[in-house]
Amino acid sequence: MEDEYYVTVEHEMRKAHYFSFIAAASSDRMNIVKLYPEGNAAARFKISGGMRIYYFCNRDGLFVQQVPRMR
């Protein structure tokens, strides 16, 4: 879609080691997608100016990535 980001993470998704969620935070909203072991590590978020994407791994903790503002 033209108004969405499709976020994927290359990471194993086993019962013992997986991403628990992917979240997108902008200046006025936060969207969280719950992920499950043995599922896909992917989510869709509406484009909303400058955003940060957060990923939480049950073993390695929280990761963050800045998404540049779309022009």
Protein backbone atom coordinates (compact mmCIF):
# COMPACT_ATOMS: atom_id res chain seq x y z
CA MET A 1 0.00 0.00 0.00
CA GLU A 2 1.14 3.54 -0.67
CA ASP A 3 0.16 4.84 2.77
CA GLU A 4 1.69 2.01 4.82
CA TYR A 5 5.06 0.72 5.89
CA TYR A 6 5.49 -3.04 5.69
CA VAL A 7 8.00 -3.92 8.40
CA THR A 8 9.74 -7.30 8.43
CA VAL A 9 12.47 -8.63 10.67
CA GLU A 10 14.87 -11.41 9.80
CA HIS A 11 14.89 -13.31 13.06
CA GLU A 12 14.12 -16.83 14.15
CA MET A 13 10.59 -17.22 15.47
CA ARG A 14 10.86 -20.37 17.59
CA LYS A 15 9.09 -21.03 20.87
CA ALA A 16 12.29 -20.36 22.81
CA HIS A 17 13.53 -17.30 20.85
CA TYR A 18 11.23 -14.86 19.05
CA PHE A 19 10.11 -11.24 18.70
CA SER A 20 7.18 -10.55 21.02
CA PHE A 21 6.02 -7.36 19.26
CA ILE A 22 6.78 -4.71 16.67
CA ALA A 23 5.64 -1.16 17.49
CA ALA A 24 5.60 2.10 15.53
CA ALA A 25 5.72 5.40 17.44
CA SER A 26 5.18 8.84 15.93
CA SER A 27 4.69 12.23 17.59
CA ASP A 28 0.96 11.62 18.14
CA ARG A 29 0.37 7.85 18.19
CA MET A 30 1.71 4.42 19.01
CA ASN A 31 0.71 1.21 17.23
CA ILE A 32 1.70 -2.21 18.52
CA VAL A 33 1.43 -5.54 16.71
CA LYS A 34 1.73 -8.64 18.89
CA LEU A 35 3.82 -11.41 17.34
CA TYR A 36 3.74 -15.11 18.17
CA PRO A 37 6.34 -17.87 18.15
CA GLU A 38 6.46 -19.81 14.90
CA GLY A 39 4.62 -16.96 13.12
CA ASN A 40 5.93 -14.26 10.77
CA ALA A 41 7.95 -11.34 12.15
CA ALA A 42 6.09 -8.72 10.08
CA ALA A 43 3.59 -5.88 10.53
CA ARG A 44 1.95 -3.02 8.61
CA PHE A 45 1.79 0.55 9.93
CA LYS A 46 0.23 3.72 8.51
CA ILE A 47 2.86 6.24 7.42
CA SER A 48 2.86 9.11 9.91
CA GLY A 49 5.74 11.57 9.47
CA GLY A 50 8.93 10.65 11.29
CA MET A 51 8.57 7.39 13.16
CA ARG A 52 10.52 5.02 15.31
CA ILE A 53 10.07 1.28 15.01
CA TYR A 54 10.56 -0.80 18.15
CA TYR A 55 11.15 -4.56 18.20
CA PHE A 56 11.20 -6.66 21.37
CA CYS A 57 13.03 -10.00 21.46
CA ASN A 58 12.28 -12.31 24.38
CA ARG A 59 16.03 -13.05 24.75
CA ASP A 60 17.90 -9.99 23.48
CA GLY A 61 15.62 -7.15 24.61
CA LEU A 62 14.42 -4.00 22.87
CA PHE A 63 15.72 -2.66 19.54
CA VAL A 64 14.81 0.67 17.94
CA GLN A 65 15.18 2.04 14.41
CA GLN A 66 14.46 5.59 13.21
CA VAL A 67 12.39 5.87 10.01
CA PRO A 68 13.11 9.07 8.05
CA ARG A 69 10.29 11.50 7.34
CA MET A 70 8.59 10.91 3.98
CA ARG A 71 8.48 13.90 1.62
